[in-house]
């Protein structure tokens, strides 16, 4: 489930880079719902806390971006809790004040179409 969450998050960010109108959170919500029924208490608590970002559908692009930024930070918590060994990096863009998690090592800002190279790699 951990790997599925990271892979789905990566797909959402790829869609944001190509066409933000096609980005959706349906699969992330489904995986979080499954995870909230986990027998692993740490994972279950994490999933329940993370689900709060997606209780309501985003109210526009800015709201979607904020939810994804907040969720990116929660994903990094999950990586630590689960000791997931997948190679995902943390990025931050101070211009839009948003985080994202990606397999990239090069900045590809999913939140600012006119500033795709704005941001910095915080962890590798």
PDB file of N, CA and C in Angstrom:
ATOM      1  N   UNK A   1       0.814  -1.193   0.000  1.00  0.00           N
ATOM      2  CA  UNK A   1       0.000   0.000   0.000  1.00  0.00           C
ATOM      3  C   UNK A   1       0.865   1.267   0.000  1.00  0.00           C
ATOM      4  N   UNK A   2       1.966   1.215   0.710  1.00  0.00           N
ATOM      5  CA  UNK A   2       2.864   2.376   0.775  1.00  0.00           C
ATOM      6  C   UNK A   2       3.373   2.706  -0.618  1.00  0.00           C
ATOM      7  N   UNK A   3       3.842   1.699  -1.316  1.00  0.00           N
ATOM      8  CA  UNK A   3       4.358   1.928  -2.657  1.00  0.00           C
ATOM      9  C   UNK A   3       3.253   2.441  -3.582  1.00  0.00           C
ATOM     10  N   UNK A   4       2.056   1.909  -3.462  1.00  0.00           N
ATOM     11  CA  UNK A   4       0.934   2.378  -4.290  1.00  0.00           C
ATOM     12  C   UNK A   4       0.656   3.860  -4.055  1.00  0.00           C
ATOM     13  N   UNK A   5       0.730   4.300  -2.804  1.00  0.00           N
ATOM     14  CA  UNK A   5       0.509   5.713  -2.500  1.00  0.00           C
ATOM     15  C   UNK A   5       1.570   6.593  -3.156  1.00  0.00           C
ATOM     16  N   UNK A   6       2.816   6.180  -3.048  1.00  0.00           N
ATOM     17  CA  UNK A   6       3.891   6.966  -3.656  1.00  0.00           C
ATOM     18  C   UNK A   6       3.763   6.991  -5.174  1.00  0.00           C
ATOM     19  N   UNK A   7       3.436   5.854  -5.766  1.00  0.00           N
ATOM     20  CA  UNK A   7       3.285   5.798  -7.221  1.00  0.00           C
ATOM     21  C   UNK A   7       2.101   6.647  -7.690  1.00  0.00           C
ATOM     22  N   UNK A   8       0.997   6.589  -6.967  1.00  0.00           N
ATOM     23  CA  UNK A   8      -0.171   7.385  -7.353  1.00  0.00           C
ATOM     24  C   UNK A   8       0.110   8.872  -7.179  1.00  0.00           C
ATOM     25  N   UNK A   9       0.796   9.238  -6.115  1.00  0.00           N
ATOM     26  CA  UNK A   9       1.178  10.628  -5.920  1.00  0.00           C
ATOM     27  C   UNK A   9       2.051  11.103  -7.090  1.00  0.00           C
ATOM     28  N   UNK A  10       2.962  10.246  -7.532  1.00  0.00           N
ATOM     29  CA  UNK A  10       3.823  10.569  -8.665  1.00  0.00           C
ATOM     30  C   UNK A  10       2.976  10.789  -9.928  1.00  0.00           C
ATOM     31  N   UNK A  11       1.968   9.949 -10.135  1.00  0.00           N
ATOM     32  CA  UNK A  11       1.084  10.100 -11.300  1.00  0.00           C
ATOM     33  C   UNK A  11       0.345  11.439 -11.259  1.00  0.00           C
ATOM     34  N   UNK A  12      -0.143  11.807 -10.094  1.00  0.00           N
ATOM     35  CA  UNK A  12      -0.856  13.076  -9.958  1.00  0.00           C
ATOM     36  C   UNK A  12       0.064  14.237 -10.314  1.00  0.00           C
ATOM     37  N   UNK A  13       1.289  14.191  -9.821  1.00  0.00           N
ATOM     38  CA  UNK A  13       2.228  15.271 -10.120  1.00  0.00           C
ATOM     39  C   UNK A  13       2.589  15.305 -11.604  1.00  0.00           C
ATOM     40  N   UNK A  14       2.701  14.151 -12.235  1.00  0.00           N
ATOM     41  CA  UNK A  14       2.957  14.125 -13.684  1.00  0.00           C
ATOM     42  C   UNK A  14       1.802  14.766 -14.439  1.00  0.00           C
ATOM     43  N   UNK A  15       0.571  14.490 -14.004  1.00  0.00           N
ATOM     44  CA  UNK A  15      -0.591  15.113 -14.638  1.00  0.00           C
ATOM     45  C   UNK A  15      -0.579  16.623 -14.436  1.00  0.00           C
ATOM     46  N   UNK A  16      -0.196  17.067 -13.255  1.00  0.00           N
ATOM     47  CA  UNK A  16      -0.121  18.505 -13.002  1.00  0.00           C
ATOM     48  C   UNK A  16       0.873  19.177 -13.951  1.00  0.00           C
ATOM     49  N   UNK A  17       1.949  18.492 -14.251  1.00  0.00           N
ATOM     50  CA  UNK A  17       2.956  19.043 -15.162  1.00  0.00           C
ATOM     51  C   UNK A  17       2.429  19.150 -16.589  1.00  0.00           C
ATOM     52  N   UNK A  18       1.561  18.219 -16.975  1.00  0.00           N
ATOM     53  CA  UNK A  18       1.047  18.190 -18.345  1.00  0.00           C
ATOM     54  C   UNK A  18      -0.253  18.957 -18.503  1.00  0.00           C
ATOM     55  N   UNK A  19      -1.224  18.643 -17.638  1.00  0.00           N
ATOM     56  CA  UNK A  19      -2.551  19.255 -17.753  1.00  0.00           C
ATOM     57  C   UNK A  19      -3.244  19.201 -16.393  1.00  0.00           C
ATOM     58  N   UNK A  20      -3.138  20.265 -15.611  1.00  0.00           N
ATOM     59  CA  UNK A  20      -3.712  20.266 -14.249  1.00  0.00           C
ATOM     60  C   UNK A  20      -5.200  19.930 -14.199  1.00  0.00           C
ATOM     61  N   UNK A  21      -5.916  20.171 -15.273  1.00  0.00           N
ATOM     62  CA  UNK A  21      -7.355  19.888 -15.255  1.00  0.00           C
ATOM     63  C   UNK A  21      -7.641  18.386 -15.217  1.00  0.00           C
ATOM     64  N   UNK A  22      -6.655  17.566 -15.555  1.00  0.00           N
ATOM     65  CA  UNK A  22      -6.849  16.108 -15.552  1.00  0.00           C
ATOM     66  C   UNK A  22      -6.387  15.448 -14.255  1.00  0.00           C
ATOM     67  N   UNK A  23      -5.776  16.210 -13.380  1.00  0.00           N
ATOM     68  CA  UNK A  23      -5.297  15.656 -12.108  1.00  0.00           C
ATOM     69  C   UNK A  23      -6.484  15.386 -11.202  1.00  0.00           C
ATOM     70  N   UNK A  24      -6.530  14.200 -10.645  1.00  0.00           N
ATOM     71  CA  UNK A  24      -7.608  13.849  -9.724  1.00  0.00           C
ATOM     72  C   UNK A  24      -7.047  13.054  -8.547  1.00  0.00           C
ATOM     73  N   UNK A  25      -7.814  13.027  -7.495  1.00  0.00           N
ATOM     74  CA  UNK A  25      -7.358  12.407  -6.254  1.00  0.00           C
ATOM     75  C   UNK A  25      -8.089  11.112  -5.932  1.00  0.00           C
ATOM     76  N   UNK A  26      -8.896  10.625  -6.836  1.00  0.00           N
ATOM     77  CA  UNK A  26      -9.748   9.470  -6.582  1.00  0.00           C
ATOM     78  C   UNK A  26      -8.969   8.261  -6.085  1.00  0.00           C
ATOM     79  N   UNK A  27      -7.899   7.904  -6.772  1.00  0.00           N
ATOM     80  CA  UNK A  27      -7.154   6.700  -6.391  1.00  0.00           C
ATOM     81  C   UNK A  27      -6.448   6.901  -5.056  1.00  0.00           C
ATOM     82  N   UNK A  28      -5.896   8.076  -4.810  1.00  0.00           N
ATOM     83  CA  UNK A  28      -5.266   8.346  -3.514  1.00  0.00           C
ATOM     84  C   UNK A  28      -6.297   8.181  -2.401  1.00  0.00           C
ATOM     85  N   UNK A  29      -7.486   8.706  -2.604  1.00  0.00           N
ATOM     86  CA  UNK A  29      -8.555   8.570  -1.602  1.00  0.00           C
ATOM     87  C   UNK A  29      -8.886   7.100  -1.356  1.00  0.00           C
ATOM     88  N   UNK A  30      -8.962   6.307  -2.426  1.00  0.00           N
ATOM     89  CA  UNK A  30      -9.278   4.885  -2.291  1.00  0.00           C
ATOM     90  C   UNK A  30      -8.197   4.157  -1.497  1.00  0.00           C
ATOM     91  N   UNK A  31      -6.950   4.441  -1.805  1.00  0.00           N
ATOM     92  CA  UNK A  31      -5.842   3.776  -1.099  1.00  0.00           C
ATOM     93  C   UNK A  31      -5.850   4.175   0.372  1.00  0.00           C
ATOM     94  N   UNK A  32      -6.095   5.451   0.662  1.00  0.00           N
ATOM     95  CA  UNK A  32      -6.163   5.895   2.058  1.00  0.00           C
ATOM     96  C   UNK A  32      -7.311   5.223   2.792  1.00  0.00           C
ATOM     97  N   UNK A  33      -8.423   5.031   2.114  1.00  0.00           N
ATOM     98  CA  UNK A  33      -9.561   4.347   2.722  1.00  0.00           C
ATOM     99  C   UNK A  33      -9.195   2.903   3.068  1.00  0.00           C
ATOM    100  N   UNK A  34      -8.528   2.220   2.163  1.00  0.00           N
ATOM    101  CA  UNK A  34      -8.058   0.855   2.426  1.00  0.00           C
ATOM    102  C   UNK A  34      -7.065   0.850   3.592  1.00  0.00           C
ATOM    103  N   UNK A  35      -6.143   1.809   3.578  1.00  0.00           N
ATOM    104  CA  UNK A  35      -5.103   1.866   4.607  1.00  0.00           C
ATOM    105  C   UNK A  35      -5.680   2.152   5.987  1.00  0.00           C
ATOM    106  N   UNK A  36      -6.779   2.881   6.041  1.00  0.00           N
ATOM    107  CA  UNK A  36      -7.383   3.190   7.345  1.00  0.00           C
ATOM    108  C   UNK A  36      -7.983   1.960   7.997  1.00  0.00           C
ATOM    109  N   UNK A  37      -8.055   0.854   7.261  1.00  0.00           N
ATOM    110  CA  UNK A  37      -8.561  -0.416   7.804  1.00  0.00           C
ATOM    111  C   UNK A  37      -7.422  -1.381   8.117  1.00  0.00           C
ATOM    112  N   UNK A  38      -6.210  -0.877   8.028  1.00  0.00           N
ATOM    113  CA  UNK A  38      -5.026  -1.704   8.246  1.00  0.00           C
ATOM    114  C   UNK A  38      -4.962  -2.220   9.686  1.00  0.00           C
ATOM    115  N   UNK A  39      -4.359  -3.365   9.838  1.00  0.00           N
ATOM    116  CA  UNK A  39      -4.143  -3.917  11.185  1.00  0.00           C
ATOM    117  C   UNK A  39      -2.908  -3.303  11.837  1.00  0.00           C
ATOM    118  N   UNK A  40      -2.060  -2.679  11.049  1.00  0.00           N
ATOM    119  CA  UNK A  40      -0.888  -1.983  11.569  1.00  0.00           C
ATOM    120  C   UNK A  40      -1.366  -0.640  12.122  1.00  0.00           C
ATOM    121  N   UNK A  41      -1.292  -0.467  13.434  1.00  0.00           N
ATOM    122  CA  UNK A  41      -1.864   0.722  14.066  1.00  0.00           C
ATOM    123  C   UNK A  41      -1.186   2.018  13.605  1.00  0.00           C
ATOM    124  N   UNK A  42       0.131   2.000  13.418  1.00  0.00           N
ATOM    125  CA  UNK A  42       0.825   3.214  12.951  1.00  0.00           C
ATOM    126  C   UNK A  42       0.342   3.618  11.567  1.00  0.00           C
ATOM    127  N   UNK A  43       0.210   2.633  10.696  1.00  0.00           N
ATOM    128  CA  UNK A  43      -0.235   2.894   9.337  1.00  0.00           C
ATOM    129  C   UNK A  43      -1.690   3.353   9.333  1.00  0.00           C
ATOM    130  N   UNK A  44      -2.496   2.719  10.158  1.00  0.00           N
ATOM    131  CA  UNK A  44      -3.915   3.075  10.248  1.00  0.00           C
ATOM    132  C   UNK A  44      -4.082   4.526  10.719  1.00  0.00           C
ATOM    133  N   UNK A  45      -3.364   4.904  11.755  1.00  0.00           N
ATOM    134  CA  UNK A  45      -3.440   6.275  12.282  1.00  0.00           C
ATOM    135  C   UNK A  45      -2.960   7.262  11.224  1.00  0.00           C
ATOM    136  N   UNK A  46      -1.852   6.937  10.552  1.00  0.00           N
ATOM    137  CA  UNK A  46      -1.336   7.813   9.512  1.00  0.00           C
ATOM    138  C   UNK A  46      -2.383   8.010   8.410  1.00  0.00           C
ATOM    139  N   UNK A  47      -3.010   6.919   7.983  1.00  0.00           N
ATOM    140  CA  UNK A  47      -4.012   6.991   6.910  1.00  0.00           C
ATOM    141  C   UNK A  47      -5.212   7.829   7.328  1.00  0.00           C
ATOM    142  N   UNK A  48      -5.648   7.665   8.566  1.00  0.00           N
ATOM    143  CA  UNK A  48      -6.789   8.450   9.052  1.00  0.00           C
ATOM    144  C   UNK A  48      -6.443   9.934   9.094  1.00  0.00           C
ATOM    145  N   UNK A  49      -5.242  10.267   9.536  1.00  0.00           N
ATOM    146  CA  UNK A  49      -4.815  11.665   9.573  1.00  0.00           C
ATOM    147  C   UNK A  49      -4.677  12.229   8.156  1.00  0.00           C
ATOM    148  N   UNK A  50      -4.149  11.447   7.256  1.00  0.00           N
ATOM    149  CA  UNK A  50      -3.932  11.898   5.886  1.00  0.00           C
ATOM    150  C   UNK A  50      -5.240  12.075   5.128  1.00  0.00           C
ATOM    151  N   UNK A  51      -6.228  11.292   5.464  1.00  0.00           N
ATOM    152  CA  UNK A  51      -7.528  11.370   4.788  1.00  0.00           C
ATOM    153  C   UNK A  51      -8.181  12.732   4.982  1.00  0.00           C
ATOM    154  N   UNK A  52      -7.824  13.419   6.064  1.00  0.00           N
ATOM    155  CA  UNK A  52      -8.432  14.728   6.321  1.00  0.00           C
ATOM    156  C   UNK A  52      -8.195  15.716   5.186  1.00  0.00           C
ATOM    157  N   UNK A  53      -7.089  15.568   4.465  1.00  0.00           N
ATOM    158  CA  UNK A  53      -6.797  16.480   3.359  1.00  0.00           C
ATOM    159  C   UNK A  53      -7.771  16.306   2.198  1.00  0.00           C
ATOM    160  N   UNK A  54      -8.418  15.145   2.159  1.00  0.00           N
ATOM    161  CA  UNK A  54      -9.240  14.811   1.007  1.00  0.00           C
ATOM    162  C   UNK A  54     -10.711  14.576   1.360  1.00  0.00           C
ATOM    163  N   UNK A  55     -11.130  15.019   2.538  1.00  0.00           N
ATOM    164  CA  UNK A  55     -12.531  14.848   2.921  1.00  0.00           C
ATOM    165  C   UNK A  55     -13.453  15.593   1.976  1.00  0.00           C
ATOM    166  N   UNK A  56     -13.033  16.770   1.580  1.00  0.00           N
ATOM    167  CA  UNK A  56     -13.819  17.561   0.634  1.00  0.00           C
ATOM    168  C   UNK A  56     -13.059  17.634  -0.680  1.00  0.00           C
ATOM    169  N   UNK A  57     -13.802  17.693  -1.765  1.00  0.00           N
ATOM    170  CA  UNK A  57     -13.154  17.865  -3.063  1.00  0.00           C
ATOM    171  C   UNK A  57     -12.509  19.249  -3.112  1.00  0.00           C
ATOM    172  N   UNK A  58     -11.384  19.361  -3.804  1.00  0.00           N
ATOM    173  CA  UNK A  58     -10.716  20.665  -3.896  1.00  0.00           C
ATOM    174  C   UNK A  58     -11.638  21.730  -4.489  1.00  0.00           C
ATOM    175  N   UNK A  59     -11.519  22.915  -3.940  1.00  0.00           N
ATOM    176  CA  UNK A  59     -12.311  24.057  -4.420  1.00  0.00           C
ATOM    177  C   UNK A  59     -11.436  24.892  -5.344  1.00  0.00           C
ATOM    178  N   UNK A  60     -11.097  24.330  -6.467  1.00  0.00           N
ATOM    179  CA  UNK A  60     -10.256  25.036  -7.423  1.00  0.00           C
ATOM    180  C   UNK A  60      -8.811  24.572  -7.382  1.00  0.00           C
ATOM    181  N   UNK A  61      -8.057  25.110  -8.300  1.00  0.00           N
ATOM    182  CA  UNK A  61      -6.658  24.721  -8.482  1.00  0.00           C
ATOM    183  C   UNK A  61      -5.801  25.016  -7.251  1.00  0.00           C
ATOM    184  N   UNK A  62      -5.953  26.197  -6.667  1.00  0.00           N
ATOM    185  CA  UNK A  62      -5.140  26.558  -5.498  1.00  0.00           C
ATOM    186  C   UNK A  62      -5.391  25.608  -4.332  1.00  0.00           C
ATOM    187  N   UNK A  63      -6.639  25.238  -4.117  1.00  0.00           N
ATOM    188  CA  UNK A  63      -6.986  24.315  -3.033  1.00  0.00           C
ATOM    189  C   UNK A  63      -6.394  22.928  -3.309  1.00  0.00           C
ATOM    190  N   UNK A  64      -6.475  22.482  -4.562  1.00  0.00           N
ATOM    191  CA  UNK A  64      -5.874  21.199  -4.937  1.00  0.00           C
ATOM    192  C   UNK A  64      -4.381  21.215  -4.650  1.00  0.00           C
ATOM    193  N   UNK A  65      -3.709  22.286  -5.049  1.00  0.00           N
ATOM    194  CA  UNK A  65      -2.264  22.380  -4.835  1.00  0.00           C
ATOM    195  C   UNK A  65      -1.912  22.368  -3.349  1.00  0.00           C
ATOM    196  N   UNK A  66      -2.704  23.053  -2.536  1.00  0.00           N
ATOM    197  CA  UNK A  66      -2.428  23.068  -1.100  1.00  0.00           C
ATOM    198  C   UNK A  66      -2.619  21.686  -0.493  1.00  0.00           C
ATOM    199  N   UNK A  67      -3.673  20.993  -0.900  1.00  0.00           N
ATOM    200  CA  UNK A  67      -3.914  19.633  -0.400  1.00  0.00           C
ATOM    201  C   UNK A  67      -2.763  18.708  -0.778  1.00  0.00           C
ATOM    202  N   UNK A  68      -2.297  18.819  -1.999  1.00  0.00           N
ATOM    203  CA  UNK A  68      -1.195  17.965  -2.443  1.00  0.00           C
ATOM    204  C   UNK A  68       0.115  18.313  -1.748  1.00  0.00           C
ATOM    205  N   UNK A  69       0.341  19.581  -1.494  1.00  0.00           N
ATOM    206  CA  UNK A  69       1.535  19.988  -0.765  1.00  0.00           C
ATOM    207  C   UNK A  69       1.514  19.431   0.657  1.00  0.00           C
ATOM    208  N   UNK A  70       0.386  19.583   1.325  1.00  0.00           N
ATOM    209  CA  UNK A  70       0.241  19.046   2.686  1.00  0.00           C
ATOM    210  C   UNK A  70       0.384  17.523   2.692  1.00  0.00           C
ATOM    211  N   UNK A  71      -0.219  16.877   1.705  1.00  0.00           N
ATOM    212  CA  UNK A  71      -0.136  15.423   1.613  1.00  0.00           C
ATOM    213  C   UNK A  71       1.299  14.971   1.348  1.00  0.00           C
ATOM    214  N   UNK A  72       2.047  15.743   0.583  1.00  0.00           N
ATOM    215  CA  UNK A  72       3.448  15.393   0.319  1.00  0.00           C
ATOM    216  C   UNK A  72       4.248  15.293   1.616  1.00  0.00           C
ATOM    217  N   UNK A  73       4.005  16.213   2.523  1.00  0.00           N
ATOM    218  CA  UNK A  73       4.699  16.166   3.818  1.00  0.00           C
ATOM    219  C   UNK A  73       4.269  14.930   4.616  1.00  0.00           C
ATOM    220  N   UNK A  74       2.980  14.574   4.524  1.00  0.00           N
ATOM    221  CA  UNK A  74       2.499  13.360   5.205  1.00  0.00           C
ATOM    222  C   UNK A  74       3.125  12.111   4.581  1.00  0.00           C
ATOM    223  N   UNK A  75       3.323  12.117   3.262  1.00  0.00           N
ATOM    224  CA  UNK A  75       3.972  10.977   2.609  1.00  0.00           C
ATOM    225  C   UNK A  75       5.381  10.765   3.137  1.00  0.00           C
ATOM    226  N   UNK A  76       6.064  11.860   3.385  1.00  0.00           N
ATOM    227  CA  UNK A  76       7.420  11.734   3.928  1.00  0.00           C
ATOM    228  C   UNK A  76       7.403  11.153   5.336  1.00  0.00           C
ATOM    229  N   UNK A  77       6.370  11.479   6.106  1.00  0.00           N
ATOM    230  CA  UNK A  77       6.203  10.850   7.424  1.00  0.00           C
ATOM    231  C   UNK A  77       6.004   9.350   7.253  1.00  0.00           C
ATOM    232  N   UNK A  78       5.167   8.983   6.288  1.00  0.00           N
ATOM    233  CA  UNK A  78       4.898   7.563   6.036  1.00  0.00           C
ATOM    234  C   UNK A  78       6.173   6.832   5.639  1.00  0.00           C
ATOM    235  N   UNK A  79       6.987   7.474   4.830  1.00  0.00           N
ATOM    236  CA  UNK A  79       8.248   6.856   4.411  1.00  0.00           C
ATOM    237  C   UNK A  79       9.093   6.499   5.628  1.00  0.00           C
ATOM    238  N   UNK A  80       9.109   7.402   6.591  1.00  0.00           N
ATOM    239  CA  UNK A  80       9.889   7.168   7.807  1.00  0.00           C
ATOM    240  C   UNK A  80       9.238   6.085   8.678  1.00  0.00           C
ATOM    241  N   UNK A  81       7.934   6.194   8.893  1.00  0.00           N
ATOM    242  CA  UNK A  81       7.204   5.230   9.737  1.00  0.00           C
ATOM    243  C   UNK A  81       7.336   3.809   9.200  1.00  0.00           C
ATOM    244  N   UNK A  82       7.171   3.670   7.900  1.00  0.00           N
ATOM    245  CA  UNK A  82       7.153   2.336   7.287  1.00  0.00           C
ATOM    246  C   UNK A  82       8.539   1.846   6.887  1.00  0.00           C
ATOM    247  N   UNK A  83       9.516   2.721   6.980  1.00  0.00           N
ATOM    248  CA  UNK A  83      10.882   2.428   6.548  1.00  0.00           C
ATOM    249  C   UNK A  83      10.913   2.024   5.072  1.00  0.00           C
ATOM    250  N   UNK A  84      10.040   2.659   4.318  1.00  0.00           N
ATOM    251  CA  UNK A  84       9.946   2.412   2.877  1.00  0.00           C
ATOM    252  C   UNK A  84      11.249   2.826   2.213  1.00  0.00           C
ATOM    253  N   UNK A  85      11.771   1.962   1.369  1.00  0.00           N
ATOM    254  CA  UNK A  85      13.078   2.201   0.749  1.00  0.00           C
ATOM    255  C   UNK A  85      12.997   2.800  -0.657  1.00  0.00           C
ATOM    256  N   UNK A  86      11.787   3.102  -1.116  1.00  0.00           N
ATOM    257  CA  UNK A  86      11.632   3.705  -2.434  1.00  0.00           C
ATOM    258  C   UNK A  86      12.387   5.017  -2.521  1.00  0.00           C
ATOM    259  N   UNK A  87      12.888   5.337  -3.698  1.00  0.00           N
ATOM    260  CA  UNK A  87      13.713   6.532  -3.895  1.00  0.00           C
ATOM    261  C   UNK A  87      12.826   7.712  -4.280  1.00  0.00           C
ATOM    262  N   UNK A  88      12.376   8.427  -3.287  1.00  0.00           N
ATOM    263  CA  UNK A  88      11.565   9.622  -3.496  1.00  0.00           C
ATOM    264  C   UNK A  88      12.227  10.792  -2.781  1.00  0.00           C
ATOM    265  N   UNK A  89      12.167  11.943  -3.424  1.00  0.00           N
ATOM    266  CA  UNK A  89      12.826  13.130  -2.907  1.00  0.00           C
ATOM    267  C   UNK A  89      11.817  14.208  -2.544  1.00  0.00           C
ATOM    268  N   UNK A  90      12.220  15.038  -1.609  1.00  0.00           N
ATOM    269  CA  UNK A  90      11.398  16.157  -1.149  1.00  0.00           C
ATOM    270  C   UNK A  90      11.875  17.429  -1.843  1.00  0.00           C
ATOM    271  N   UNK A  91      10.909  18.162  -2.393  1.00  0.00           N
ATOM    272  CA  UNK A  91      11.184  19.429  -3.057  1.00  0.00           C
ATOM    273  C   UNK A  91      10.349  20.526  -2.410  1.00  0.00           C
ATOM    274  N   UNK A  92      10.835  21.752  -2.542  1.00  0.00           N
ATOM    275  CA  UNK A  92      10.092  22.907  -2.014  1.00  0.00           C
ATOM    276  C   UNK A  92      10.282  24.090  -2.958  1.00  0.00           C
ATOM    277  N   UNK A  93       9.185  24.803  -3.202  1.00  0.00           N
ATOM    278  CA  UNK A  93       9.247  26.034  -3.977  1.00  0.00           C
ATOM    279  C   UNK A  93       8.818  27.185  -3.072  1.00  0.00           C
ATOM    280  N   UNK A  94       9.733  28.105  -2.748  1.00  0.00           N
ATOM    281  CA  UNK A  94       9.382  29.221  -1.873  1.00  0.00           C
ATOM    282  C   UNK A  94       8.457  30.241  -2.552  1.00  0.00           C
ATOM    283  N   UNK A  95       8.462  30.296  -3.876  1.00  0.00           N
ATOM    284  CA  UNK A  95       7.615  31.265  -4.579  1.00  0.00           C
ATOM    285  C   UNK A  95       6.129  30.941  -4.416  1.00  0.00           C
ATOM    286  N   UNK A  96       5.799  29.652  -4.389  1.00  0.00           N
ATOM    287  CA  UNK A  96       4.393  29.253  -4.202  1.00  0.00           C
ATOM    288  C   UNK A  96       4.171  28.653  -2.811  1.00  0.00           C
ATOM    289  N   UNK A  97       5.266  28.516  -2.049  1.00  0.00           N
ATOM    290  CA  UNK A  97       5.222  27.952  -0.693  1.00  0.00           C
ATOM    291  C   UNK A  97       4.559  26.574  -0.674  1.00  0.00           C
ATOM    292  N   UNK A  98       5.065  25.675  -1.539  1.00  0.00           N
ATOM    293  CA  UNK A  98       4.510  24.328  -1.647  1.00  0.00           C
ATOM    294  C   UNK A  98       5.629  23.293  -1.697  1.00  0.00           C
ATOM    295  N   UNK A  99       5.291  22.100  -1.211  1.00  0.00           N
ATOM    296  CA  UNK A  99       6.188  20.947  -1.237  1.00  0.00           C
ATOM    297  C   UNK A  99       5.659  19.918  -2.228  1.00  0.00           C
ATOM    298  N   UNK A 100       6.551  19.083  -2.728  1.00  0.00           N
ATOM    299  CA  UNK A 100       6.134  17.911  -3.481  1.00  0.00           C
ATOM    300  C   UNK A 100       7.174  16.822  -3.301  1.00  0.00           C
ATOM    301  N   UNK A 101       6.737  15.600  -3.537  1.00  0.00           N
ATOM    302  CA  UNK A 101       7.591  14.428  -3.433  1.00  0.00           C
ATOM    303  C   UNK A 101       7.645  13.806  -4.815  1.00  0.00           C
ATOM    304  N   UNK A 102       8.839  13.493  -5.256  1.00  0.00           N
ATOM    305  CA  UNK A 102       8.996  12.952  -6.602  1.00  0.00           C
ATOM    306  C   UNK A 102      10.235  12.076  -6.673  1.00  0.00           C
ATOM    307  N   UNK A 103      10.239  11.187  -7.655  1.00  0.00           N
ATOM    308  CA  UNK A 103      11.420  10.377  -7.921  1.00  0.00           C
ATOM    309  C   UNK A 103      12.494  11.196  -8.630  1.00  0.00           C
ATOM    310  N   UNK A 104      12.113  12.352  -9.125  1.00  0.00           N
ATOM    311  CA  UNK A 104      13.062  13.220  -9.819  1.00  0.00           C
ATOM    312  C   UNK A 104      14.220  13.626  -8.909  1.00  0.00           C
ATOM    313  N   UNK A 105      15.302  14.023  -9.543  1.00  0.00           N
ATOM    314  CA  UNK A 105      16.391  14.682  -8.824  1.00  0.00           C
ATOM    315  C   UNK A 105      16.560  16.102  -9.365  1.00  0.00           C
ATOM    316  N   UNK A 106      15.815  16.413 -10.410  1.00  0.00           N
ATOM    317  CA  UNK A 106      15.804  17.738 -11.030  1.00  0.00           C
ATOM    318  C   UNK A 106      14.469  18.392 -10.691  1.00  0.00           C
ATOM    319  N   UNK A 107      14.483  19.679 -10.413  1.00  0.00           N
ATOM    320  CA  UNK A 107      13.258  20.408 -10.069  1.00  0.00           C
ATOM    321  C   UNK A 107      12.322  20.459 -11.276  1.00  0.00           C
ATOM    322  N   UNK A 108      11.109  19.970 -11.063  1.00  0.00           N
ATOM    323  CA  UNK A 108      10.012  20.100 -12.032  1.00  0.00           C
ATOM    324  C   UNK A 108       8.779  20.482 -11.214  1.00  0.00           C
ATOM    325  N   UNK A 109       8.635  21.766 -10.990  1.00  0.00           N
ATOM    326  CA  UNK A 109       7.600  22.296 -10.109  1.00  0.00           C
ATOM    327  C   UNK A 109       6.210  22.039 -10.701  1.00  0.00           C
ATOM    328  N   UNK A 110       5.389  21.210 -10.036  1.00  0.00           N
ATOM    329  CA  UNK A 110       4.062  20.898 -10.571  1.00  0.00           C
ATOM    330  C   UNK A 110       3.027  21.983 -10.280  1.00  0.00           C
ATOM    331  N   UNK A 111       3.396  22.974  -9.475  1.00  0.00           N
ATOM    332  CA  UNK A 111       2.431  23.969  -9.017  1.00  0.00           C
ATOM    333  C   UNK A 111       2.472  25.289  -9.771  1.00  0.00           C
ATOM    334  N   UNK A 112       3.494  25.515 -10.572  1.00  0.00           N
ATOM    335  CA  UNK A 112       3.626  26.801 -11.251  1.00  0.00           C
ATOM    336  C   UNK A 112       4.067  26.570 -12.699  1.00  0.00           C
ATOM    337  N   UNK A 113       3.108  26.598 -13.594  1.00  0.00           N
ATOM    338  CA  UNK A 113       3.382  26.303 -14.999  1.00  0.00           C
ATOM    339  C   UNK A 113       4.470  27.211 -15.575  1.00  0.00           C
ATOM    340  N   UNK A 114       4.480  28.465 -15.160  1.00  0.00           N
ATOM    341  CA  UNK A 114       5.459  29.409 -15.687  1.00  0.00           C
ATOM    342  C   UNK A 114       6.796  29.372 -14.941  1.00  0.00           C
ATOM    343  N   UNK A 115       6.891  28.493 -13.928  1.00  0.00           N
ATOM    344  CA  UNK A 115       8.131  28.401 -13.140  1.00  0.00           C
ATOM    345  C   UNK A 115       8.468  26.931 -12.851  1.00  0.00           C
ATOM    346  N   UNK A 116       8.493  26.108 -13.873  1.00  0.00           N
ATOM    347  CA  UNK A 116       8.734  24.674 -13.664  1.00  0.00           C
ATOM    348  C   UNK A 116      10.087  24.397 -13.005  1.00  0.00           C
ATOM    349  N   UNK A 117      11.054  25.273 -13.198  1.00  0.00           N
ATOM    350  CA  UNK A 117      12.376  25.042 -12.622  1.00  0.00           C
ATOM    351  C   UNK A 117      12.580  25.797 -11.303  1.00  0.00           C
ATOM    352  N   UNK A 118      11.513  26.375 -10.763  1.00  0.00           N
ATOM    353  CA  UNK A 118      11.611  27.095  -9.502  1.00  0.00           C
ATOM    354  C   UNK A 118      11.399  26.125  -8.337  1.00  0.00           C
ATOM    355  N   UNK A 119      12.332  26.101  -7.444  1.00  0.00           N
ATOM    356  CA  UNK A 119      12.253  25.240  -6.286  1.00  0.00           C
ATOM    357  C   UNK A 119      13.622  24.637  -6.001  1.00  0.00           C
ATOM    358  N   UNK A 120      13.636  23.813  -4.976  1.00  0.00           N
ATOM    359  CA  UNK A 120      14.911  23.184  -4.624  1.00  0.00           C
ATOM    360  C   UNK A 120      14.680  21.774  -4.103  1.00  0.00           C
ATOM    361  N   UNK A 121      15.675  20.935  -4.369  1.00  0.00           N
ATOM    362  CA  UNK A 121      15.703  19.569  -3.864  1.00  0.00           C
ATOM    363  C   UNK A 121      16.175  19.643  -2.415  1.00  0.00           C
ATOM    364  N   UNK A 122      15.337  19.181  -1.493  1.00  0.00           N
ATOM    365  CA  UNK A 122      15.696  19.256  -0.076  1.00  0.00           C
ATOM    366  C   UNK A 122      16.312  17.956   0.444  1.00  0.00           C
ATOM    367  N   UNK A 123      15.889  16.833  -0.103  1.00  0.00           N
ATOM    368  CA  UNK A 123      16.473  15.559   0.323  1.00  0.00           C
ATOM    369  C   UNK A 123      16.672  14.672  -0.878  1.00  0.00           C
ATOM    370  N   UNK A 124      17.720  13.882  -0.814  1.00  0.00           N
ATOM    371  CA  UNK A 124      17.994  12.919  -1.878  1.00  0.00           C
ATOM    372  C   UNK A 124      18.421  11.622  -1.251  1.00  0.00           C
TER     373      UNK A 124
END
